[in-house]
Amino acid sequence: SMPELPDMTDKQRNALDKIEEIASLPNMNYRYRQEPGDILLLNNWVTLHKRSEFIDHDEEKKKRHILRAWVSPDNNRAIDPLFKDNYGDYRAGFVRGGMKASEK
C-alpha cells in the first residue's frame, strides 16, 4: 500500500498549476469526442489525460458504457517500486497485474 502522503507545499501546488496551464494550451493537447464503437488506447505512464464533464442519458439502454482493459506488454518500462503492491512486478520487461476493479 502507498504510504501516507504529506500535504503539498505552495511550491508543489504552483508547479501543478503551471503544468495544467501549459497542458491547456491549444498546441499542447488534443480534444476529441468519442462515438459509439470508438476504441481509445493510450499509455497511462507517458500520457496526461482527463475528461470533460458530460451528462449521461436518462434511458438505461442509452447510458454510456465504458470498459477498461489493462495491457501489459513484455517490453514495458520500469515503474517506481512504490507500485509493487498494485502491479506485482515493477521492473522493465515483466508482465504486471492491474489495479483492482472498483465496485459501486
N, C-alpha and C. Protein backbone atom coordinates (compact mmCIF):
# COMPACT_ATOMS: atom_id res chain seq x y z
N SER A 1 0.84 -1.19 0.00
CA SER A 1 0.00 0.00 0.00
C SER A 1 0.87 1.24 0.00
N MET A 2 0.29 2.34 -0.42
CA MET A 2 1.02 3.61 -0.50
C MET A 2 1.14 4.23 0.88
N PRO A 3 2.28 4.81 1.20
CA PRO A 3 2.42 5.48 2.49
C PRO A 3 1.57 6.75 2.54
N GLU A 4 1.27 7.22 3.73
CA GLU A 4 0.54 8.49 3.88
C GLU A 4 1.33 9.59 3.19
N LEU A 5 0.66 10.36 2.41
CA LEU A 5 1.34 11.45 1.70
C LEU A 5 1.20 12.75 2.48
N PRO A 6 2.27 13.51 2.58
CA PRO A 6 2.18 14.81 3.27
C PRO A 6 1.42 15.81 2.41
N ASP A 7 0.94 16.88 3.03
CA ASP A 7 0.30 17.96 2.28
C ASP A 7 1.29 18.55 1.29
N MET A 8 0.78 19.00 0.16
CA MET A 8 1.64 19.63 -0.83
C MET A 8 2.07 21.01 -0.33
N THR A 9 3.25 21.38 -0.71
CA THR A 9 3.74 22.72 -0.39
C THR A 9 3.16 23.70 -1.42
N ASP A 10 3.25 24.99 -1.13
CA ASP A 10 2.81 26.00 -2.09
C ASP A 10 3.60 25.87 -3.39
N LYS A 11 4.88 25.58 -3.28
CA LYS A 11 5.72 25.43 -4.47
C LYS A 11 5.23 24.25 -5.33
N GLN A 12 4.85 23.14 -4.69
CA GLN A 12 4.35 21.99 -5.42
C GLN A 12 2.99 22.30 -6.07
N ARG A 13 2.12 22.97 -5.33
CA ARG A 13 0.81 23.36 -5.87
C ARG A 13 0.98 24.27 -7.09
N ASN A 14 1.89 25.24 -6.97
CA ASN A 14 2.16 26.15 -8.09
C ASN A 14 2.70 25.40 -9.30
N ALA A 15 3.55 24.40 -9.05
CA ALA A 15 4.10 23.60 -10.16
C ALA A 15 2.99 22.84 -10.87
N LEU A 16 2.06 22.24 -10.12
CA LEU A 16 0.94 21.54 -10.74
C LEU A 16 0.03 22.49 -11.51
N ASP A 17 -0.19 23.68 -10.96
CA ASP A 17 -0.98 24.69 -11.67
C ASP A 17 -0.32 25.05 -13.00
N LYS A 18 1.01 25.17 -12.99
CA LYS A 18 1.75 25.52 -14.21
C LYS A 18 1.65 24.39 -15.24
N ILE A 19 1.73 23.14 -14.78
CA ILE A 19 1.58 22.00 -15.70
C ILE A 19 0.20 22.05 -16.36
N GLU A 20 -0.85 22.29 -15.56
CA GLU A 20 -2.20 22.36 -16.12
C GLU A 20 -2.33 23.53 -17.09
N GLU A 21 -1.73 24.66 -16.76
CA GLU A 21 -1.77 25.83 -17.64
C GLU A 21 -1.13 25.50 -18.99
N ILE A 22 0.04 24.88 -18.96
CA ILE A 22 0.75 24.53 -20.20
C ILE A 22 -0.03 23.48 -20.98
N ALA A 23 -0.54 22.46 -20.28
CA ALA A 23 -1.29 21.40 -20.95
C ALA A 23 -2.58 21.91 -21.59
N SER A 24 -3.09 23.04 -21.12
CA SER A 24 -4.33 23.61 -21.66
C SER A 24 -4.10 24.44 -22.92
N LEU A 25 -2.86 24.72 -23.26
CA LEU A 25 -2.57 25.48 -24.48
C LEU A 25 -3.03 24.68 -25.70
N PRO A 26 -3.61 25.35 -26.71
CA PRO A 26 -4.14 24.63 -27.88
C PRO A 26 -3.13 23.72 -28.57
N ASN A 27 -1.87 24.10 -28.60
CA ASN A 27 -0.86 23.28 -29.28
C ASN A 27 -0.29 22.18 -28.39
N MET A 28 -0.80 22.05 -27.17
CA MET A 28 -0.27 21.06 -26.24
C MET A 28 -1.29 19.97 -25.88
N ASN A 29 -2.46 20.00 -26.50
CA ASN A 29 -3.44 18.97 -26.17
C ASN A 29 -4.27 18.61 -27.39
N TYR A 30 -4.98 17.54 -27.26
CA TYR A 30 -5.84 17.04 -28.33
C TYR A 30 -7.21 16.78 -27.74
N ARG A 31 -8.22 17.39 -28.30
CA ARG A 31 -9.59 17.19 -27.82
C ARG A 31 -10.37 16.40 -28.88
N TYR A 32 -11.19 15.52 -28.43
CA TYR A 32 -11.99 14.72 -29.34
C TYR A 32 -13.26 14.27 -28.63
N ARG A 33 -14.21 13.84 -29.40
CA ARG A 33 -15.46 13.31 -28.85
C ARG A 33 -15.55 11.86 -29.31
N GLN A 34 -15.64 10.97 -28.36
CA GLN A 34 -15.79 9.56 -28.72
C GLN A 34 -17.21 9.29 -29.18
N GLU A 35 -17.33 8.42 -30.13
CA GLU A 35 -18.62 7.99 -30.66
C GLU A 35 -18.79 6.51 -30.37
N PRO A 36 -20.03 6.01 -30.40
CA PRO A 36 -20.26 4.58 -30.17
C PRO A 36 -19.36 3.74 -31.08
N GLY A 37 -18.71 2.76 -30.49
CA GLY A 37 -17.82 1.87 -31.24
C GLY A 37 -16.37 2.32 -31.26
N ASP A 38 -16.08 3.53 -30.81
CA ASP A 38 -14.69 4.01 -30.79
C ASP A 38 -13.87 3.24 -29.76
N ILE A 39 -12.61 3.08 -30.06
CA ILE A 39 -11.65 2.48 -29.13
C ILE A 39 -10.52 3.48 -28.95
N LEU A 40 -10.15 3.73 -27.72
CA LEU A 40 -9.06 4.64 -27.41
C LEU A 40 -7.99 3.86 -26.64
N LEU A 41 -6.78 3.86 -27.16
CA LEU A 41 -5.66 3.21 -26.49
C LEU A 41 -4.63 4.27 -26.15
N LEU A 42 -4.15 4.27 -24.91
CA LEU A 42 -3.09 5.19 -24.52
C LEU A 42 -2.27 4.56 -23.40
N ASN A 43 -1.10 5.08 -23.22
CA ASN A 43 -0.19 4.59 -22.19
C ASN A 43 -0.26 5.55 -21.01
N ASN A 44 -0.87 5.09 -19.91
CA ASN A 44 -1.04 5.94 -18.73
C ASN A 44 0.28 6.40 -18.12
N TRP A 45 1.35 5.71 -18.41
CA TRP A 45 2.64 6.07 -17.82
C TRP A 45 3.32 7.21 -18.55
N VAL A 46 2.87 7.54 -19.75
CA VAL A 46 3.51 8.62 -20.51
C VAL A 46 2.51 9.64 -21.05
N THR A 47 1.24 9.53 -20.67
CA THR A 47 0.20 10.42 -21.17
C THR A 47 -0.54 11.08 -20.02
N LEU A 48 -0.65 12.39 -20.05
CA LEU A 48 -1.55 13.07 -19.12
C LEU A 48 -2.91 13.12 -19.78
N HIS A 49 -3.94 12.77 -19.06
CA HIS A 49 -5.27 12.79 -19.67
C HIS A 49 -6.33 13.14 -18.64
N LYS A 50 -7.41 13.66 -19.14
CA LYS A 50 -8.58 13.93 -18.32
C LYS A 50 -9.78 13.95 -19.24
N ARG A 51 -10.94 14.00 -18.67
CA ARG A 51 -12.14 14.11 -19.49
C ARG A 51 -12.92 15.33 -19.04
N SER A 52 -13.72 15.84 -19.95
CA SER A 52 -14.58 16.96 -19.60
C SER A 52 -15.89 16.42 -19.02
N GLU A 53 -16.68 17.32 -18.44
CA GLU A 53 -17.97 16.91 -17.88
C GLU A 53 -18.87 16.35 -18.97
N PHE A 54 -19.77 15.49 -18.57
CA PHE A 54 -20.77 15.01 -19.50
C PHE A 54 -22.06 14.76 -18.74
N ILE A 55 -23.17 14.81 -19.46
CA ILE A 55 -24.47 14.48 -18.87
C ILE A 55 -24.91 13.19 -19.52
N ASP A 56 -25.09 12.16 -18.70
CA ASP A 56 -25.47 10.86 -19.22
C ASP A 56 -26.94 10.86 -19.61
N HIS A 57 -27.31 9.94 -20.45
CA HIS A 57 -28.69 9.81 -20.92
C HIS A 57 -29.57 9.26 -19.81
N ASP A 58 -30.83 9.68 -19.78
CA ASP A 58 -31.77 9.19 -18.77
C ASP A 58 -32.16 7.73 -19.01
N GLU A 59 -32.28 7.34 -20.28
CA GLU A 59 -32.69 5.98 -20.60
C GLU A 59 -31.53 5.01 -20.35
N GLU A 60 -31.81 3.95 -19.61
CA GLU A 60 -30.77 2.98 -19.24
C GLU A 60 -30.04 2.43 -20.46
N LYS A 61 -30.77 2.10 -21.52
CA LYS A 61 -30.15 1.50 -22.70
C LYS A 61 -29.27 2.48 -23.47
N LYS A 62 -29.41 3.77 -23.20
CA LYS A 62 -28.63 4.78 -23.92
C LYS A 62 -27.51 5.37 -23.06
N LYS A 63 -27.37 4.90 -21.82
CA LYS A 63 -26.31 5.41 -20.96
C LYS A 63 -24.95 5.00 -21.50
N ARG A 64 -23.97 5.78 -21.21
CA ARG A 64 -22.63 5.48 -21.70
C ARG A 64 -22.12 4.24 -20.98
N HIS A 65 -21.37 3.44 -21.71
CA HIS A 65 -20.84 2.18 -21.18
C HIS A 65 -19.37 2.10 -21.56
N ILE A 66 -18.51 2.13 -20.57
CA ILE A 66 -17.07 2.14 -20.84
C ILE A 66 -16.44 0.91 -20.21
N LEU A 67 -15.58 0.26 -20.96
CA LEU A 67 -14.82 -0.88 -20.45
C LEU A 67 -13.35 -0.48 -20.44
N ARG A 68 -12.64 -0.92 -19.42
CA ARG A 68 -11.22 -0.64 -19.30
C ARG A 68 -10.46 -1.96 -19.38
N ALA A 69 -9.39 -1.96 -20.14
CA ALA A 69 -8.53 -3.14 -20.23
C ALA A 69 -7.11 -2.71 -19.87
N TRP A 70 -6.45 -3.51 -19.08
CA TRP A 70 -5.05 -3.25 -18.74
C TRP A 70 -4.19 -4.14 -19.62
N VAL A 71 -3.35 -3.52 -20.43
CA VAL A 71 -2.46 -4.25 -21.31
C VAL A 71 -1.06 -4.18 -20.72
N SER A 72 -0.42 -5.32 -20.62
CA SER A 72 0.92 -5.36 -20.04
C SER A 72 1.89 -5.97 -21.05
N PRO A 73 2.45 -5.15 -21.93
CA PRO A 73 3.37 -5.69 -22.93
C PRO A 73 4.68 -6.13 -22.28
N ASP A 74 5.35 -7.06 -22.94
CA ASP A 74 6.60 -7.56 -22.35
C ASP A 74 7.78 -6.61 -22.57
N ASN A 75 7.56 -5.51 -23.29
CA ASN A 75 8.64 -4.52 -23.46
C ASN A 75 8.33 -3.23 -22.70
N ASN A 76 7.62 -3.37 -21.58
CA ASN A 76 7.24 -2.18 -20.80
C ASN A 76 8.42 -1.56 -20.07
N ARG A 77 8.19 -0.37 -19.55
CA ARG A 77 9.21 0.36 -18.81
C ARG A 77 9.17 -0.03 -17.34
N ALA A 78 10.26 0.21 -16.65
CA ALA A 78 10.27 0.04 -15.20
C ALA A 78 9.41 1.14 -14.58
N ILE A 79 8.76 0.82 -13.46
CA ILE A 79 7.99 1.83 -12.72
C ILE A 79 8.53 1.89 -11.30
N ASP A 80 8.13 2.89 -10.57
CA ASP A 80 8.62 3.07 -9.20
C ASP A 80 8.25 1.87 -8.33
N PRO A 81 9.17 1.38 -7.51
CA PRO A 81 8.88 0.26 -6.62
C PRO A 81 7.68 0.49 -5.69
N LEU A 82 7.27 1.74 -5.47
CA LEU A 82 6.09 2.01 -4.65
C LEU A 82 4.83 1.35 -5.22
N PHE A 83 4.84 1.02 -6.51
CA PHE A 83 3.68 0.42 -7.15
C PHE A 83 3.65 -1.11 -7.03
N LYS A 84 4.60 -1.69 -6.35
CA LYS A 84 4.70 -3.15 -6.26
C LYS A 84 3.42 -3.79 -5.74
N ASP A 85 2.81 -3.24 -4.70
CA ASP A 85 1.59 -3.85 -4.15
C ASP A 85 0.45 -3.88 -5.16
N ASN A 86 0.37 -2.89 -6.02
CA ASN A 86 -0.71 -2.84 -7.00
C ASN A 86 -0.41 -3.64 -8.27
N TYR A 87 0.83 -3.64 -8.71
CA TYR A 87 1.16 -4.21 -10.00
C TYR A 87 1.98 -5.49 -9.94
N GLY A 88 2.44 -5.87 -8.76
CA GLY A 88 3.26 -7.08 -8.67
C GLY A 88 4.71 -6.74 -8.98
N ASP A 89 5.08 -6.80 -10.22
CA ASP A 89 6.47 -6.54 -10.61
C ASP A 89 6.59 -5.13 -11.16
N TYR A 90 7.62 -4.44 -10.78
CA TYR A 90 7.81 -3.05 -11.23
C TYR A 90 9.00 -2.92 -12.17
N ARG A 91 9.71 -4.03 -12.42
CA ARG A 91 10.89 -3.97 -13.29
C ARG A 91 10.48 -3.90 -14.76
N ALA A 92 11.38 -3.37 -15.58
CA ALA A 92 11.13 -3.30 -17.03
C ALA A 92 11.08 -4.70 -17.61
N GLY A 93 10.18 -4.90 -18.58
CA GLY A 93 10.12 -6.16 -19.29
C GLY A 93 9.39 -7.28 -18.59
N PHE A 94 8.71 -7.01 -17.49
CA PHE A 94 7.98 -8.04 -16.76
C PHE A 94 6.48 -7.77 -16.83
N VAL A 95 5.70 -8.83 -17.00
CA VAL A 95 4.25 -8.69 -17.05
C VAL A 95 3.75 -8.28 -15.67
N ARG A 96 2.85 -7.31 -15.65
CA ARG A 96 2.31 -6.80 -14.39
C ARG A 96 0.82 -7.02 -14.33
N GLY A 97 0.30 -7.08 -13.12
CA GLY A 97 -1.14 -7.08 -12.91
C GLY A 97 -1.63 -5.65 -12.92
N GLY A 98 -2.93 -5.47 -12.83
CA GLY A 98 -3.51 -4.13 -12.84
C GLY A 98 -4.12 -3.78 -11.50
N MET A 99 -4.72 -2.63 -11.44
CA MET A 99 -5.40 -2.19 -10.22
C MET A 99 -6.67 -3.01 -10.04
N LYS A 100 -7.07 -3.19 -8.80
CA LYS A 100 -8.31 -3.91 -8.53
C LYS A 100 -9.48 -3.07 -9.03
N ALA A 101 -10.48 -3.74 -9.58
CA ALA A 101 -11.66 -3.04 -10.10
C ALA A 101 -12.44 -2.40 -8.97
N SER A 102 -13.01 -1.25 -9.23
CA SER A 102 -13.85 -0.60 -8.22
C SER A 102 -15.26 -1.16 -8.33
N GLU A 103 -15.95 -1.12 -7.23
CA GLU A 103 -17.33 -1.60 -7.20
C GLU A 103 -18.23 -0.45 -6.81
N LYS A 104 -19.44 -0.45 -7.34
CA LYS A 104 -20.40 0.60 -6.98
C LYS A 104 -21.04 0.27 -5.66
